[in-house]
């Protein structure tokens, strides 16, 4: 899976150096080093996949399936719900995939 992601991102000329920063071990170290500021209110929400049809775009479907197999959790095609929780968490999962959380539909790029 990692090779396929790196190859795909390379074809799109997207740098891959930051991928190592997305692992559980790296983020755990980061969170221990950079603790929450007491004057900041932290809120989070998560995408649970599309509510109709395929759970995510064609582009993210492989990673959605992989994340689901590994974690057994709802996910947005990239992030399992447990990794999206920080501070006060909205338990109502947004019915969209990772790109949809910021208003993009990867199945309709360029249309």
C-alpha atoms as a PDB file:
ATOM      1  CA  UNK A   1       0.000   0.000   0.000  1.00  0.00           C
ATOM      2  CA  UNK A   2       2.775   2.436   0.944  1.00  0.00           C
ATOM      3  CA  UNK A   3       4.576   1.872  -2.377  1.00  0.00           C
ATOM      4  CA  UNK A   4       1.359   2.435  -4.330  1.00  0.00           C
ATOM      5  CA  UNK A   5       0.679   5.699  -2.478  1.00  0.00           C
ATOM      6  CA  UNK A   6       4.245   6.957  -3.030  1.00  0.00           C
ATOM      7  CA  UNK A   7       4.124   6.002  -6.720  1.00  0.00           C
ATOM      8  CA  UNK A   8       0.756   7.720  -7.229  1.00  0.00           C
ATOM      9  CA  UNK A   9       1.843  10.882  -5.428  1.00  0.00           C
ATOM     10  CA  UNK A  10       5.093  10.866  -7.429  1.00  0.00           C
ATOM     11  CA  UNK A  11       3.129  10.693 -10.687  1.00  0.00           C
ATOM     12  CA  UNK A  12       1.163  13.732  -9.510  1.00  0.00           C
ATOM     13  CA  UNK A  13       4.433  15.484  -8.540  1.00  0.00           C
ATOM     14  CA  UNK A  14       3.301  15.683  -4.902  1.00  0.00           C
ATOM     15  CA  UNK A  15       6.170  15.521  -2.363  1.00  0.00           C
ATOM     16  CA  UNK A  16       6.058  12.478  -0.075  1.00  0.00           C
ATOM     17  CA  UNK A  17       8.487  13.500   2.690  1.00  0.00           C
ATOM     18  CA  UNK A  18       5.677  14.311   5.116  1.00  0.00           C
ATOM     19  CA  UNK A  19       4.082  10.858   4.944  1.00  0.00           C
ATOM     20  CA  UNK A  20       6.233   9.636   7.854  1.00  0.00           C
ATOM     21  CA  UNK A  21       4.597  12.335   9.998  1.00  0.00           C
ATOM     22  CA  UNK A  22       1.212  10.653   9.570  1.00  0.00           C
ATOM     23  CA  UNK A  23       2.022   7.509  11.554  1.00  0.00           C
ATOM     24  CA  UNK A  24       0.561   6.808  14.978  1.00  0.00           C
ATOM     25  CA  UNK A  25       4.022   6.669  16.575  1.00  0.00           C
ATOM     26  CA  UNK A  26       5.072  10.054  15.119  1.00  0.00           C
ATOM     27  CA  UNK A  27       1.842  11.800  16.135  1.00  0.00           C
ATOM     28  CA  UNK A  28       2.062  10.307  19.637  1.00  0.00           C
ATOM     29  CA  UNK A  29       5.573  11.791  20.038  1.00  0.00           C
ATOM     30  CA  UNK A  30       4.366  15.115  18.610  1.00  0.00           C
ATOM     31  CA  UNK A  31       1.447  15.275  21.063  1.00  0.00           C
ATOM     32  CA  UNK A  32       3.741  14.562  24.016  1.00  0.00           C
ATOM     33  CA  UNK A  33       6.143  17.301  22.896  1.00  0.00           C
ATOM     34  CA  UNK A  34       3.554  19.945  22.004  1.00  0.00           C
ATOM     35  CA  UNK A  35       0.877  19.826  24.689  1.00  0.00           C
ATOM     36  CA  UNK A  36      -2.484  21.579  24.433  1.00  0.00           C
ATOM     37  CA  UNK A  37      -2.513  25.219  25.453  1.00  0.00           C
ATOM     38  CA  UNK A  38      -4.843  25.769  28.435  1.00  0.00           C
ATOM     39  CA  UNK A  39      -6.408  28.884  26.856  1.00  0.00           C
ATOM     40  CA  UNK A  40      -7.368  27.173  23.598  1.00  0.00           C
ATOM     41  CA  UNK A  41     -10.667  25.334  23.182  1.00  0.00           C
ATOM     42  CA  UNK A  42     -10.071  22.257  21.012  1.00  0.00           C
ATOM     43  CA  UNK A  43     -12.957  20.896  18.945  1.00  0.00           C
ATOM     44  CA  UNK A  44     -13.014  18.066  16.430  1.00  0.00           C
ATOM     45  CA  UNK A  45     -15.325  16.273  14.017  1.00  0.00           C
ATOM     46  CA  UNK A  46     -14.906  13.309  11.689  1.00  0.00           C
ATOM     47  CA  UNK A  47     -16.148  12.114   8.347  1.00  0.00           C
ATOM     48  CA  UNK A  48     -17.744   8.689   8.361  1.00  0.00           C
ATOM     49  CA  UNK A  49     -17.895   8.159   4.605  1.00  0.00           C
ATOM     50  CA  UNK A  50     -20.613   9.005   2.148  1.00  0.00           C
ATOM     51  CA  UNK A  51     -24.143   8.184   3.238  1.00  0.00           C
ATOM     52  CA  UNK A  52     -25.240   6.872  -0.179  1.00  0.00           C
ATOM     53  CA  UNK A  53     -23.512   4.640  -2.706  1.00  0.00           C
ATOM     54  CA  UNK A  54     -19.797   3.952  -2.335  1.00  0.00           C
ATOM     55  CA  UNK A  55     -18.364   5.145   0.995  1.00  0.00           C
ATOM     56  CA  UNK A  56     -15.843   7.421  -0.704  1.00  0.00           C
ATOM     57  CA  UNK A  57     -14.590   8.637  -4.049  1.00  0.00           C
ATOM     58  CA  UNK A  58     -12.941   6.159  -6.431  1.00  0.00           C
ATOM     59  CA  UNK A  59      -9.588   7.785  -5.625  1.00  0.00           C
ATOM     60  CA  UNK A  60      -9.939   7.172  -1.873  1.00  0.00           C
ATOM     61  CA  UNK A  61     -11.810   3.864  -1.988  1.00  0.00           C
ATOM     62  CA  UNK A  62      -8.690   1.672  -1.704  1.00  0.00           C
ATOM     63  CA  UNK A  63      -7.462   3.558   1.350  1.00  0.00           C
ATOM     64  CA  UNK A  64     -10.989   3.597   2.840  1.00  0.00           C
ATOM     65  CA  UNK A  65     -11.117  -0.187   2.541  1.00  0.00           C
ATOM     66  CA  UNK A  66      -7.596  -0.598   3.988  1.00  0.00           C
ATOM     67  CA  UNK A  67      -8.266   1.716   6.968  1.00  0.00           C
ATOM     68  CA  UNK A  68     -11.535  -0.123   7.648  1.00  0.00           C
ATOM     69  CA  UNK A  69      -9.824  -3.530   7.505  1.00  0.00           C
ATOM     70  CA  UNK A  70      -6.992  -2.418   9.820  1.00  0.00           C
ATOM     71  CA  UNK A  71      -9.105  -0.507  12.368  1.00  0.00           C
ATOM     72  CA  UNK A  72     -12.640  -1.865  11.949  1.00  0.00           C
ATOM     73  CA  UNK A  73     -13.788   1.753  12.254  1.00  0.00           C
ATOM     74  CA  UNK A  74     -15.777   4.187  10.198  1.00  0.00           C
ATOM     75  CA  UNK A  75     -13.405   6.464   8.311  1.00  0.00           C
ATOM     76  CA  UNK A  76     -13.370   9.198   5.691  1.00  0.00           C
ATOM     77  CA  UNK A  77     -11.090   7.364   3.267  1.00  0.00           C
ATOM     78  CA  UNK A  78      -7.932   8.412   5.093  1.00  0.00           C
ATOM     79  CA  UNK A  79      -8.588   8.956   8.808  1.00  0.00           C
ATOM     80  CA  UNK A  80     -10.319   6.528  11.209  1.00  0.00           C
ATOM     81  CA  UNK A  81     -12.738   8.136  13.653  1.00  0.00           C
ATOM     82  CA  UNK A  82     -10.462   7.396  16.627  1.00  0.00           C
ATOM     83  CA  UNK A  83      -7.670   9.461  15.039  1.00  0.00           C
ATOM     84  CA  UNK A  84      -9.972  12.419  14.423  1.00  0.00           C
ATOM     85  CA  UNK A  85     -10.865  12.899  18.095  1.00  0.00           C
ATOM     86  CA  UNK A  86      -9.261  15.848  19.853  1.00  0.00           C
ATOM     87  CA  UNK A  87     -10.719  18.012  22.579  1.00  0.00           C
ATOM     88  CA  UNK A  88     -14.505  18.181  22.498  1.00  0.00           C
ATOM     89  CA  UNK A  89     -15.602  15.721  19.792  1.00  0.00           C
ATOM     90  CA  UNK A  90     -18.824  15.969  17.783  1.00  0.00           C
ATOM     91  CA  UNK A  91     -20.059  12.339  17.766  1.00  0.00           C
ATOM     92  CA  UNK A  92     -22.292  12.922  14.724  1.00  0.00           C
ATOM     93  CA  UNK A  93     -20.100  11.726  11.861  1.00  0.00           C
ATOM     94  CA  UNK A  94     -20.244  13.917   8.787  1.00  0.00           C
ATOM     95  CA  UNK A  95     -21.640  11.883   5.847  1.00  0.00           C
ATOM     96  CA  UNK A  96     -18.745  12.489   3.485  1.00  0.00           C
ATOM     97  CA  UNK A  97     -15.197  11.451   2.683  1.00  0.00           C
ATOM     98  CA  UNK A  98     -11.924  13.256   3.430  1.00  0.00           C
ATOM     99  CA  UNK A  99     -12.097  15.556   0.398  1.00  0.00           C
ATOM    100  CA  UNK A 100     -15.787  16.232   1.024  1.00  0.00           C
ATOM    101  CA  UNK A 101     -14.981  17.586   4.485  1.00  0.00           C
ATOM    102  CA  UNK A 102     -13.492  20.642   2.756  1.00  0.00           C
ATOM    103  CA  UNK A 103     -16.055  20.815  -0.056  1.00  0.00           C
ATOM    104  CA  UNK A 104     -14.409  18.735  -2.808  1.00  0.00           C
ATOM    105  CA  UNK A 105     -15.796  15.771  -4.733  1.00  0.00           C
ATOM    106  CA  UNK A 106     -12.896  13.794  -6.193  1.00  0.00           C
ATOM    107  CA  UNK A 107     -15.280  11.914  -8.485  1.00  0.00           C
ATOM    108  CA  UNK A 108     -16.136  15.214 -10.209  1.00  0.00           C
ATOM    109  CA  UNK A 109     -12.697  16.849 -10.514  1.00  0.00           C
ATOM    110  CA  UNK A 110     -12.585  19.210 -13.454  1.00  0.00           C
ATOM    111  CA  UNK A 111     -16.324  19.134 -14.092  1.00  0.00           C
END
